[in-house]
Amino acid sequence: MNYTAEAPAVWDPALVDADDCLLSSDQCVIRGQNYFVKGQIEIPVIGSDEVFSWGVWVSLSRENFSRAAELWDTPSREAEKPYFGWLTTELLVYPTTTLNLKTHVHTRPVGERPFIELEPTDHPLAVEQRTGISLDRVREIAAAVLHAGDSEQQ
């Protein structure tokens, strides 16, 4: 019920030892100029209490990334207003690119990844987030991800 990307689509493994780059399980900085956080796009499963989620990366402005980092271990950080961000994970199960979809990053309690709210557009991912998906669609996604063997989505 959950697939996750290990890094933003723009990450290059050759950057791993660079002084101005960082890739952790929750944050990424590239060349001290591009800032990312990992969050969850949650999609209700129709007729179930279950939620399907994509673990995705979202780019933030330097100011918002700094603010999120400052509050990283602060209780009640979920009171923070959402940050604007751009989706930087390509989810290949959708017919059109998911890169650069507009998002709002909602901070959650310490220890929980942010909730990623997509701008309400007609993109299939945004529609699924708003309306939910069937269990058959969950199976279809699972088969596509497993068949592709794409490590970015597993």
Protein backbone atom coordinates (compact mmCIF):
# COMPACT_ATOMS: atom_id res chain seq x y z
CA MET A 1 0.00 0.00 0.00
CA ASN A 2 3.08 2.22 -0.18
CA TYR A 3 5.78 2.82 -2.76
CA THR A 4 8.59 5.26 -2.23
CA ALA A 5 11.29 7.06 -4.19
CA GLU A 6 14.79 6.94 -2.74
CA ALA A 7 15.80 10.37 -4.09
CA PRO A 8 14.43 13.31 -6.10
CA ALA A 9 14.41 12.76 -9.86
CA VAL A 10 17.20 15.34 -10.24
CA TRP A 11 19.59 13.58 -7.80
CA ASP A 12 22.76 12.14 -9.33
CA PRO A 13 24.50 9.39 -7.32
CA ALA A 14 27.82 10.99 -8.32
CA LEU A 15 26.93 13.83 -5.89
CA VAL A 16 27.01 11.60 -2.81
CA ASP A 17 30.47 12.76 -1.66
CA ALA A 18 30.14 16.44 -2.62
CA ASP A 19 30.44 18.88 0.29
CA ASP A 20 27.49 20.98 -0.87
CA CYS A 21 25.15 18.00 -1.36
CA LEU A 22 23.14 15.86 1.05
CA LEU A 23 20.79 12.94 0.62
CA SER A 24 19.20 11.53 3.77
CA SER A 25 16.00 9.53 4.14
CA ASP A 26 14.00 12.76 4.60
CA GLN A 27 15.97 15.69 3.16
CA CYS A 28 18.08 16.45 0.11
CA VAL A 29 20.25 19.40 -0.88
CA ILE A 30 21.91 19.65 -4.29
CA ARG A 31 24.88 21.99 -4.75
CA GLY A 32 23.64 24.16 -1.87
CA GLN A 33 21.00 25.58 -4.24
CA ASN A 34 18.17 23.06 -4.54
CA TYR A 35 16.24 21.84 -1.50
CA PHE A 36 13.91 18.87 -1.13
CA VAL A 37 11.91 17.07 1.55
CA LYS A 38 10.29 13.66 1.39
CA GLY A 39 6.59 13.35 2.07
CA GLN A 40 3.53 11.21 1.46
CA ILE A 41 0.86 11.59 -1.19
CA GLU A 42 -2.03 9.73 0.39
CA ILE A 43 -4.87 8.31 -1.69
CA PRO A 44 -7.99 6.87 -0.06
CA VAL A 45 -8.91 3.34 -1.09
CA ILE A 46 -12.62 3.30 -1.90
CA GLY A 47 -14.68 0.97 0.28
CA SER A 48 -11.82 0.52 2.76
CA ASP A 49 -10.23 2.20 5.76
CA GLU A 50 -6.88 1.72 4.01
CA VAL A 51 -4.85 4.48 2.41
CA PHE A 52 -2.46 3.99 -0.49
CA SER A 53 0.57 6.27 -0.39
CA TRP A 54 3.40 7.38 -2.58
CA GLY A 55 6.63 8.41 -0.82
CA VAL A 56 7.71 11.36 -2.95
CA TRP A 57 10.16 14.27 -2.99
CA VAL A 58 9.09 17.88 -3.20
CA SER A 59 11.33 20.87 -3.87
CA LEU A 60 11.06 23.80 -1.46
CA SER A 61 12.41 27.31 -1.52
CA ARG A 62 15.57 27.88 0.52
CA GLU A 63 13.53 29.86 3.06
CA ASN A 64 10.88 27.14 3.50
CA PHE A 65 13.47 24.36 3.63
CA SER A 66 15.39 26.26 6.33
CA ARG A 67 12.19 26.79 8.29
CA ALA A 68 11.23 23.11 8.02
CA ALA A 69 14.74 22.07 9.10
CA GLU A 70 14.63 24.51 12.03
CA LEU A 71 11.37 22.91 13.24
CA TRP A 72 12.38 19.29 12.41
CA ASP A 73 12.45 18.08 16.04
CA THR A 74 10.07 20.66 17.50
CA PRO A 75 6.86 19.42 19.16
CA SER A 76 3.73 21.06 17.72
CA ARG A 77 5.51 21.72 14.41
CA GLU A 78 2.32 20.55 12.67
CA ALA A 79 0.84 23.98 13.46
CA GLU A 80 3.16 25.42 10.76
CA LYS A 81 1.36 26.69 7.66
CA PRO A 82 1.85 24.53 4.54
CA TYR A 83 4.86 25.19 2.31
CA PHE A 84 4.54 25.51 -1.46
CA GLY A 85 6.57 22.98 -3.41
CA TRP A 86 7.03 21.25 -6.76
CA LEU A 87 6.76 17.48 -7.05
CA THR A 88 10.17 16.09 -8.06
CA THR A 89 9.34 12.39 -8.29
CA GLU A 90 8.38 10.75 -11.57
CA LEU A 91 5.67 8.16 -11.00
CA LEU A 92 5.74 6.10 -14.17
CA VAL A 93 2.33 4.48 -13.66
CA TYR A 94 0.65 7.70 -14.85
CA PRO A 95 0.22 8.50 -18.56
CA THR A 96 1.57 12.05 -18.14
CA THR A 97 4.57 13.18 -16.13
CA THR A 98 4.18 13.83 -12.43
CA LEU A 99 7.26 16.05 -12.36
CA ASN A 100 6.64 19.68 -11.41
CA LEU A 101 3.06 19.28 -10.21
CA LYS A 102 2.25 22.05 -7.73
CA THR A 103 1.95 20.92 -4.11
CA HIS A 104 1.37 22.07 -0.56
CA VAL A 105 3.59 20.41 2.03
CA HIS A 106 1.79 19.97 5.35
CA THR A 107 4.08 19.38 8.31
CA ARG A 108 2.98 16.61 10.67
CA PRO A 109 4.03 15.69 14.22
CA VAL A 110 7.70 14.88 14.87
CA GLY A 111 8.55 11.47 13.44
CA GLU A 112 5.95 11.63 10.66
CA ARG A 113 6.68 12.57 7.08
CA PRO A 114 4.84 15.59 5.68
CA PHE A 115 1.52 15.17 3.91
CA ILE A 116 1.79 16.25 0.27
CA GLU A 117 -1.38 17.84 -1.07
CA LEU A 118 -1.49 18.18 -4.84
CA GLU A 119 -3.02 21.23 -6.45
CA PRO A 120 -6.51 20.17 -7.58
CA THR A 121 -5.95 19.78 -11.32
CA ASP A 122 -7.12 17.23 -13.87
CA HIS A 123 -3.82 15.30 -13.65
CA PRO A 124 -4.72 11.63 -12.92
CA LEU A 125 -2.65 11.62 -9.71
CA ALA A 126 -4.41 14.73 -8.39
CA VAL A 127 -7.80 13.27 -9.34
CA GLU A 128 -6.97 10.03 -7.51
CA GLN A 129 -5.91 11.95 -4.41
CA ARG A 130 -9.25 13.78 -4.39
CA THR A 131 -11.58 10.93 -5.33
CA GLY A 132 -9.78 7.78 -4.18
CA ILE A 133 -8.90 4.56 -5.97
CA SER A 134 -10.31 1.06 -6.06
CA LEU A 135 -8.52 -2.02 -4.75
CA ASP A 136 -8.18 -3.09 -8.39
CA ARG A 137 -6.29 0.14 -9.10
CA VAL A 138 -3.98 -0.58 -6.12
CA ARG A 139 -3.27 -4.02 -7.65
CA GLU A 140 -2.70 -2.42 -11.06
CA ILE A 141 -0.19 0.05 -9.56
CA ALA A 142 1.57 -2.75 -7.65
CA ALA A 143 1.87 -4.88 -10.79
CA ALA A 144 3.17 -1.96 -12.85
CA VAL A 145 5.75 -0.95 -10.23
CA LEU A 146 6.93 -4.51 -9.65
CA HIS A 147 7.00 -5.28 -13.37
CA ALA A 148 9.02 -2.15 -14.13
CA GLY A 149 11.51 -3.08 -11.42
CA ASP A 150 12.13 0.66 -11.11
CA SER A 151 14.16 1.14 -7.93
CA GLU A 152 13.03 4.78 -7.79
CA GLN A 153 9.50 3.65 -7.00
CA GLN A 154 10.16 0.65 -4.77
